[in-house]
Amino acid sequence: MKYREFVKWCNERACDGCWGMLEAMICIWVLEEVRKAPFWRREKVWREQYENDVVNQIVEPTNQKIKELCGMRNGGKR
């Protein structure tokens, strides 16, 4: 996941409310930390310091939970 994709994902979760408070706080902190770097280095900082942990521990589990909940709302159909 690229840094811009992460920013977009966070904005979508902020709009739809499909994340918990802890996930939101961690993502906001990560965004703030990456934004401290000059814009031309942000992608590198994201990839080297945050991408693996954030994607594996927050983004993927949240996306999975969203899929499960959407399946339940549609009567189990996907």
PDB file of N, CA and C in Angstrom:
ATOM      1  N   MET A   1       0.856  -1.167   0.000  1.00  0.00           N
ATOM      2  CA  MET A   1       0.000   0.000   0.000  1.00  0.00           C
ATOM      3  C   MET A   1       0.901   1.228   0.000  1.00  0.00           C
ATOM      4  N   LYS A   2       0.666   2.116  -0.919  1.00  0.00           N
ATOM      5  CA  LYS A   2       1.423   3.364  -0.973  1.00  0.00           C
ATOM      6  C   LYS A   2       0.897   4.319   0.092  1.00  0.00           C
ATOM      7  N   TYR A   3       1.710   5.323   0.397  1.00  0.00           N
ATOM      8  CA  TYR A   3       1.327   6.290   1.421  1.00  0.00           C
ATOM      9  C   TYR A   3       0.033   7.016   1.040  1.00  0.00           C
ATOM     10  N   ARG A   4      -0.089   7.417  -0.206  1.00  0.00           N
ATOM     11  CA  ARG A   4      -1.319   8.112  -0.640  1.00  0.00           C
ATOM     12  C   ARG A   4      -2.550   7.204  -0.515  1.00  0.00           C
ATOM     13  N   GLU A   5      -2.364   5.930  -0.768  1.00  0.00           N
ATOM     14  CA  GLU A   5      -3.469   4.973  -0.606  1.00  0.00           C
ATOM     15  C   GLU A   5      -3.857   4.869   0.859  1.00  0.00           C
ATOM     16  N   PHE A   6      -2.868   4.902   1.745  1.00  0.00           N
ATOM     17  CA  PHE A   6      -3.147   4.873   3.173  1.00  0.00           C
ATOM     18  C   PHE A   6      -3.913   6.124   3.600  1.00  0.00           C
ATOM     19  N   VAL A   7      -3.505   7.270   3.110  1.00  0.00           N
ATOM     20  CA  VAL A   7      -4.207   8.520   3.427  1.00  0.00           C
ATOM     21  C   VAL A   7      -5.658   8.427   2.962  1.00  0.00           C
ATOM     22  N   LYS A   8      -5.864   7.934   1.747  1.00  0.00           N
ATOM     23  CA  LYS A   8      -7.224   7.779   1.217  1.00  0.00           C
ATOM     24  C   LYS A   8      -8.032   6.797   2.066  1.00  0.00           C
ATOM     25  N   TRP A   9      -7.414   5.689   2.453  1.00  0.00           N
ATOM     26  CA  TRP A   9      -8.084   4.691   3.285  1.00  0.00           C
ATOM     27  C   TRP A   9      -8.509   5.311   4.613  1.00  0.00           C
ATOM     28  N   CYS A  10      -7.613   6.079   5.226  1.00  0.00           N
ATOM     29  CA  CYS A  10      -7.942   6.741   6.496  1.00  0.00           C
ATOM     30  C   CYS A  10      -9.104   7.714   6.328  1.00  0.00           C
ATOM     31  N   ASN A  11      -9.095   8.480   5.255  1.00  0.00           N
ATOM     32  CA  ASN A  11     -10.196   9.415   5.010  1.00  0.00           C
ATOM     33  C   ASN A  11     -11.519   8.683   4.816  1.00  0.00           C
ATOM     34  N   GLU A  12     -11.487   7.552   4.135  1.00  0.00           N
ATOM     35  CA  GLU A  12     -12.706   6.762   3.950  1.00  0.00           C
ATOM     36  C   GLU A  12     -13.212   6.222   5.285  1.00  0.00           C
ATOM     37  N   ARG A  13     -12.317   5.730   6.132  1.00  0.00           N
ATOM     38  CA  ARG A  13     -12.723   5.218   7.449  1.00  0.00           C
ATOM     39  C   ARG A  13     -13.239   6.350   8.341  1.00  0.00           C
ATOM     40  N   ALA A  14     -12.662   7.528   8.218  1.00  0.00           N
ATOM     41  CA  ALA A  14     -13.151   8.661   9.006  1.00  0.00           C
ATOM     42  C   ALA A  14     -14.571   9.037   8.579  1.00  0.00           C
ATOM     43  N   CYS A  15     -14.860   8.875   7.303  1.00  0.00           N
ATOM     44  CA  CYS A  15     -16.204   9.212   6.796  1.00  0.00           C
ATOM     45  C   CYS A  15     -17.233   8.142   7.111  1.00  0.00           C
ATOM     46  N   ASP A  16     -16.844   6.868   7.003  1.00  0.00           N
ATOM     47  CA  ASP A  16     -17.832   5.817   7.212  1.00  0.00           C
ATOM     48  C   ASP A  16     -17.860   5.281   8.640  1.00  0.00           C
ATOM     49  N   GLY A  17     -16.875   5.675   9.450  1.00  0.00           N
ATOM     50  CA  GLY A  17     -16.869   5.259  10.853  1.00  0.00           C
ATOM     51  C   GLY A  17     -16.584   3.779  11.066  1.00  0.00           C
ATOM     52  N   CYS A  18     -15.977   3.132  10.087  1.00  0.00           N
ATOM     53  CA  CYS A  18     -15.734   1.694  10.180  1.00  0.00           C
ATOM     54  C   CYS A  18     -14.366   1.361  10.747  1.00  0.00           C
ATOM     55  N   TRP A  19     -14.004   2.033  11.825  1.00  0.00           N
ATOM     56  CA  TRP A  19     -12.800   1.690  12.563  1.00  0.00           C
ATOM     57  C   TRP A  19     -12.997   2.071  14.005  1.00  0.00           C
ATOM     58  N   GLY A  20     -12.236   1.486  14.876  1.00  0.00           N
ATOM     59  CA  GLY A  20     -12.345   1.782  16.293  1.00  0.00           C
ATOM     60  C   GLY A  20     -11.522   3.003  16.670  1.00  0.00           C
ATOM     61  N   MET A  21     -11.717   3.456  17.884  1.00  0.00           N
ATOM     62  CA  MET A  21     -10.996   4.636  18.338  1.00  0.00           C
ATOM     63  C   MET A  21      -9.488   4.399  18.364  1.00  0.00           C
ATOM     64  N   LEU A  22      -9.064   3.234  18.827  1.00  0.00           N
ATOM     65  CA  LEU A  22      -7.639   2.945  18.891  1.00  0.00           C
ATOM     66  C   LEU A  22      -7.015   2.953  17.495  1.00  0.00           C
ATOM     67  N   GLU A  23      -7.679   2.324  16.534  1.00  0.00           N
ATOM     68  CA  GLU A  23      -7.174   2.308  15.162  1.00  0.00           C
ATOM     69  C   GLU A  23      -7.091   3.720  14.603  1.00  0.00           C
ATOM     70  N   ALA A  24      -8.105   4.518  14.860  1.00  0.00           N
ATOM     71  CA  ALA A  24      -8.113   5.898  14.383  1.00  0.00           C
ATOM     72  C   ALA A  24      -6.955   6.685  14.994  1.00  0.00           C
ATOM     73  N   MET A  25      -6.749   6.530  16.289  1.00  0.00           N
ATOM     74  CA  MET A  25      -5.679   7.265  16.961  1.00  0.00           C
ATOM     75  C   MET A  25      -4.306   6.864  16.430  1.00  0.00           C
ATOM     76  N   ILE A  26      -4.097   5.578  16.209  1.00  0.00           N
ATOM     77  CA  ILE A  26      -2.811   5.117  15.682  1.00  0.00           C
ATOM     78  C   ILE A  26      -2.597   5.645  14.269  1.00  0.00           C
ATOM     79  N   CYS A  27      -3.623   5.568  13.441  1.00  0.00           N
ATOM     80  CA  CYS A  27      -3.488   6.041  12.062  1.00  0.00           C
ATOM     81  C   CYS A  27      -3.226   7.546  12.018  1.00  0.00           C
ATOM     82  N   ILE A  28      -3.904   8.301  12.849  1.00  0.00           N
ATOM     83  CA  ILE A  28      -3.664   9.742  12.899  1.00  0.00           C
ATOM     84  C   ILE A  28      -2.230  10.019  13.330  1.00  0.00           C
ATOM     85  N   TRP A  29      -1.739   9.283  14.313  1.00  0.00           N
ATOM     86  CA  TRP A  29      -0.363   9.457  14.762  1.00  0.00           C
ATOM     87  C   TRP A  29       0.618   9.141  13.639  1.00  0.00           C
ATOM     88  N   VAL A  30       0.380   8.038  12.915  1.00  0.00           N
ATOM     89  CA  VAL A  30       1.263   7.667  11.808  1.00  0.00           C
ATOM     90  C   VAL A  30       1.247   8.752  10.743  1.00  0.00           C
ATOM     91  N   LEU A  31       0.068   9.249  10.398  1.00  0.00           N
ATOM     92  CA  LEU A  31      -0.023  10.325   9.406  1.00  0.00           C
ATOM     93  C   LEU A  31       0.778  11.543   9.849  1.00  0.00           C
ATOM     94  N   GLU A  32       0.660  11.909  11.112  1.00  0.00           N
ATOM     95  CA  GLU A  32       1.403  13.055  11.627  1.00  0.00           C
ATOM     96  C   GLU A  32       2.910  12.822  11.553  1.00  0.00           C
ATOM     97  N   GLU A  33       3.361  11.619  11.906  1.00  0.00           N
ATOM     98  CA  GLU A  33       4.782  11.312  11.875  1.00  0.00           C
ATOM     99  C   GLU A  33       5.330  11.354  10.449  1.00  0.00           C
ATOM    100  N   VAL A  34       4.600  10.781   9.508  1.00  0.00           N
ATOM    101  CA  VAL A  34       5.073  10.764   8.121  1.00  0.00           C
ATOM    102  C   VAL A  34       5.069  12.183   7.558  1.00  0.00           C
ATOM    103  N   ARG A  35       4.081  12.977   7.914  1.00  0.00           N
ATOM    104  CA  ARG A  35       4.004  14.354   7.407  1.00  0.00           C
ATOM    105  C   ARG A  35       5.104  15.255   7.950  1.00  0.00           C
ATOM    106  N   LYS A  36       5.819  14.824   8.968  1.00  0.00           N
ATOM    107  CA  LYS A  36       6.959  15.597   9.467  1.00  0.00           C
ATOM    108  C   LYS A  36       8.121  15.575   8.475  1.00  0.00           C
ATOM    109  N   ALA A  37       8.156  14.538   7.646  1.00  0.00           N
ATOM    110  CA  ALA A  37       9.218  14.418   6.644  1.00  0.00           C
ATOM    111  C   ALA A  37       8.886  15.327   5.459  1.00  0.00           C
ATOM    112  N   PRO A  38       9.924  15.789   4.742  1.00  0.00           N
ATOM    113  CA  PRO A  38       9.660  16.560   3.519  1.00  0.00           C
ATOM    114  C   PRO A  38       8.821  15.720   2.550  1.00  0.00           C
ATOM    115  N   PHE A  39       7.997  16.375   1.769  1.00  0.00           N
ATOM    116  CA  PHE A  39       7.042  15.639   0.925  1.00  0.00           C
ATOM    117  C   PHE A  39       7.718  14.639   0.000  1.00  0.00           C
ATOM    118  N   TRP A  40       8.932  14.898  -0.430  1.00  0.00           N
ATOM    119  CA  TRP A  40       9.613  13.977  -1.333  1.00  0.00           C
ATOM    120  C   TRP A  40      10.151  12.736  -0.614  1.00  0.00           C
ATOM    121  N   ARG A  41      10.156  12.740   0.713  1.00  0.00           N
ATOM    122  CA  ARG A  41      10.633  11.580   1.466  1.00  0.00           C
ATOM    123  C   ARG A  41       9.506  10.799   2.138  1.00  0.00           C
ATOM    124  N   ARG A  42       8.305  11.274   2.065  1.00  0.00           N
ATOM    125  CA  ARG A  42       7.211  10.652   2.823  1.00  0.00           C
ATOM    126  C   ARG A  42       6.967   9.206   2.436  1.00  0.00           C
ATOM    127  N   GLU A  43       7.000   8.913   1.162  1.00  0.00           N
ATOM    128  CA  GLU A  43       6.768   7.531   0.720  1.00  0.00           C
ATOM    129  C   GLU A  43       7.831   6.599   1.306  1.00  0.00           C
ATOM    130  N   LYS A  44       9.077   7.034   1.293  1.00  0.00           N
ATOM    131  CA  LYS A  44      10.173   6.224   1.833  1.00  0.00           C
ATOM    132  C   LYS A  44      10.007   6.019   3.340  1.00  0.00           C
ATOM    133  N   VAL A  45       9.678   7.075   4.061  1.00  0.00           N
ATOM    134  CA  VAL A  45       9.467   6.974   5.509  1.00  0.00           C
ATOM    135  C   VAL A  45       8.316   6.014   5.784  1.00  0.00           C
ATOM    136  N   TRP A  46       7.221   6.153   5.047  1.00  0.00           N
ATOM    137  CA  TRP A  46       6.066   5.277   5.198  1.00  0.00           C
ATOM    138  C   TRP A  46       6.466   3.818   4.991  1.00  0.00           C
ATOM    139  N   ARG A  47       7.139   3.543   3.880  1.00  0.00           N
ATOM    140  CA  ARG A  47       7.493   2.159   3.545  1.00  0.00           C
ATOM    141  C   ARG A  47       8.467   1.542   4.547  1.00  0.00           C
ATOM    142  N   GLU A  48       9.461   2.314   4.957  1.00  0.00           N
ATOM    143  CA  GLU A  48      10.503   1.757   5.817  1.00  0.00           C
ATOM    144  C   GLU A  48      10.082   1.632   7.282  1.00  0.00           C
ATOM    145  N   GLN A  49       9.268   2.551   7.763  1.00  0.00           N
ATOM    146  CA  GLN A  49       8.997   2.592   9.195  1.00  0.00           C
ATOM    147  C   GLN A  49       7.604   2.128   9.606  1.00  0.00           C
ATOM    148  N   TYR A  50       6.624   2.258   8.729  1.00  0.00           N
ATOM    149  CA  TYR A  50       5.247   2.043   9.176  1.00  0.00           C
ATOM    150  C   TYR A  50       4.424   1.059   8.357  1.00  0.00           C
ATOM    151  N   GLU A  51       4.681   0.946   7.076  1.00  0.00           N
ATOM    152  CA  GLU A  51       3.781   0.213   6.189  1.00  0.00           C
ATOM    153  C   GLU A  51       3.460  -1.199   6.663  1.00  0.00           C
ATOM    154  N   ASN A  52       4.458  -2.026   6.900  1.00  0.00           N
ATOM    155  CA  ASN A  52       4.204  -3.428   7.242  1.00  0.00           C
ATOM    156  C   ASN A  52       3.324  -3.574   8.474  1.00  0.00           C
ATOM    157  N   ASP A  53       3.671  -2.904   9.555  1.00  0.00           N
ATOM    158  CA  ASP A  53       2.902  -3.035  10.794  1.00  0.00           C
ATOM    159  C   ASP A  53       1.489  -2.489  10.646  1.00  0.00           C
ATOM    160  N   VAL A  54       1.364  -1.319  10.056  1.00  0.00           N
ATOM    161  CA  VAL A  54       0.047  -0.678   9.948  1.00  0.00           C
ATOM    162  C   VAL A  54      -0.870  -1.482   9.031  1.00  0.00           C
ATOM    163  N   VAL A  55      -0.357  -1.901   7.898  1.00  0.00           N
ATOM    164  CA  VAL A  55      -1.193  -2.656   6.953  1.00  0.00           C
ATOM    165  C   VAL A  55      -1.588  -3.998   7.556  1.00  0.00           C
ATOM    166  N   ASN A  56      -0.641  -4.704   8.165  1.00  0.00           N
ATOM    167  CA  ASN A  56      -0.939  -6.034   8.712  1.00  0.00           C
ATOM    168  C   ASN A  56      -1.802  -6.006   9.965  1.00  0.00           C
ATOM    169  N   GLN A  57      -1.626  -5.003  10.797  1.00  0.00           N
ATOM    170  CA  GLN A  57      -2.318  -4.987  12.082  1.00  0.00           C
ATOM    171  C   GLN A  57      -3.564  -4.104  12.119  1.00  0.00           C
ATOM    172  N   ILE A  58      -3.707  -3.199  11.160  1.00  0.00           N
ATOM    173  CA  ILE A  58      -4.867  -2.301  11.186  1.00  0.00           C
ATOM    174  C   ILE A  58      -5.674  -2.371   9.898  1.00  0.00           C
ATOM    175  N   VAL A  59      -5.029  -2.112   8.759  1.00  0.00           N
ATOM    176  CA  VAL A  59      -5.765  -1.998   7.493  1.00  0.00           C
ATOM    177  C   VAL A  59      -6.426  -3.316   7.104  1.00  0.00           C
ATOM    178  N   GLU A  60      -5.658  -4.394   7.047  1.00  0.00           N
ATOM    179  CA  GLU A  60      -6.236  -5.677   6.609  1.00  0.00           C
ATOM    180  C   GLU A  60      -7.310  -6.202   7.554  1.00  0.00           C
ATOM    181  N   PRO A  61      -7.086  -6.199   8.880  1.00  0.00           N
ATOM    182  CA  PRO A  61      -8.160  -6.656   9.767  1.00  0.00           C
ATOM    183  C   PRO A  61      -9.426  -5.787   9.673  1.00  0.00           C
ATOM    184  N   THR A  62      -9.247  -4.499   9.523  1.00  0.00           N
ATOM    185  CA  THR A  62     -10.412  -3.609   9.396  1.00  0.00           C
ATOM    186  C   THR A  62     -11.150  -3.880   8.097  1.00  0.00           C
ATOM    187  N   ASN A  63     -10.416  -4.036   7.005  1.00  0.00           N
ATOM    188  CA  ASN A  63     -11.058  -4.349   5.724  1.00  0.00           C
ATOM    189  C   ASN A  63     -11.793  -5.686   5.786  1.00  0.00           C
ATOM    190  N   GLN A  64     -11.205  -6.669   6.454  1.00  0.00           N
ATOM    191  CA  GLN A  64     -11.855  -7.971   6.604  1.00  0.00           C
ATOM    192  C   GLN A  64     -13.154  -7.845   7.396  1.00  0.00           C
ATOM    193  N   LYS A  65     -13.121  -7.087   8.470  1.00  0.00           N
ATOM    194  CA  LYS A  65     -14.318  -6.893   9.289  1.00  0.00           C
ATOM    195  C   LYS A  65     -15.411  -6.172   8.492  1.00  0.00           C
ATOM    196  N   ILE A  66     -15.020  -5.202   7.684  1.00  0.00           N
ATOM    197  CA  ILE A  66     -15.991  -4.492   6.836  1.00  0.00           C
ATOM    198  C   ILE A  66     -16.643  -5.468   5.865  1.00  0.00           C
ATOM    199  N   LYS A  67     -15.839  -6.358   5.250  1.00  0.00           N
ATOM    200  CA  LYS A  67     -16.386  -7.355   4.322  1.00  0.00           C
ATOM    201  C   LYS A  67     -17.365  -8.276   5.033  1.00  0.00           C
ATOM    202  N   GLU A  68     -17.014  -8.711   6.241  1.00  0.00           N
ATOM    203  CA  GLU A  68     -17.902  -9.591   7.003  1.00  0.00           C
ATOM    204  C   GLU A  68     -19.211  -8.895   7.326  1.00  0.00           C
ATOM    205  N   LEU A  69     -19.142  -7.660   7.757  1.00  0.00           N
ATOM    206  CA  LEU A  69     -20.350  -6.927   8.114  1.00  0.00           C
ATOM    207  C   LEU A  69     -21.211  -6.636   6.894  1.00  0.00           C
ATOM    208  N   CYS A  70     -20.602  -6.321   5.785  1.00  0.00           N
ATOM    209  CA  CYS A  70     -21.369  -6.080   4.563  1.00  0.00           C
ATOM    210  C   CYS A  70     -22.055  -7.361   4.110  1.00  0.00           C
ATOM    211  N   GLY A  71     -21.381  -8.504   4.285  1.00  0.00           N
ATOM    212  CA  GLY A  71     -21.984  -9.783   3.929  1.00  0.00           C
ATOM    213  C   GLY A  71     -23.178 -10.090   4.802  1.00  0.00           C
ATOM    214  N   MET A  72     -23.099  -9.723   6.083  1.00  0.00           N
ATOM    215  CA  MET A  72     -24.228  -9.954   7.006  1.00  0.00           C
ATOM    216  C   MET A  72     -25.411  -9.063   6.658  1.00  0.00           C
ATOM    217  N   ARG A  73     -25.132  -7.851   6.237  1.00  0.00           N
ATOM    218  CA  ARG A  73     -26.222  -6.921   5.866  1.00  0.00           C
ATOM    219  C   ARG A  73     -26.929  -7.361   4.605  1.00  0.00           C
ATOM    220  N   ASN A  74     -26.212  -8.054   3.734  1.00  0.00           N
ATOM    221  CA  ASN A  74     -26.807  -8.495   2.471  1.00  0.00           C
ATOM    222  C   ASN A  74     -27.355  -9.910   2.576  1.00  0.00           C
ATOM    223  N   GLY A  75     -27.615 -10.370   3.769  1.00  0.00           N
ATOM    224  CA  GLY A  75     -28.167 -11.710   3.960  1.00  0.00           C
ATOM    225  C   GLY A  75     -27.168 -12.814   3.695  1.00  0.00           C
ATOM    226  N   GLY A  76     -25.885 -12.502   3.881  1.00  0.00           N
ATOM    227  CA  GLY A  76     -24.860 -13.497   3.662  1.00  0.00           C
ATOM    228  C   GLY A  76     -24.382 -13.568   2.238  1.00  0.00           C
ATOM    229  N   LYS A  77     -24.992 -12.807   1.336  1.00  0.00           N
ATOM    230  CA  LYS A  77     -24.552 -12.799  -0.072  1.00  0.00           C
ATOM    231  C   LYS A  77     -23.440 -11.787  -0.236  1.00  0.00           C
ATOM    232  N   ARG A  78     -22.477 -12.151  -1.075  1.00  0.00           N
ATOM    233  CA  ARG A  78     -21.352 -11.228  -1.330  1.00  0.00           C
ATOM    234  C   ARG A  78     -21.264 -10.880  -2.775  1.00  0.00           C
TER     235      ARG A  78
END
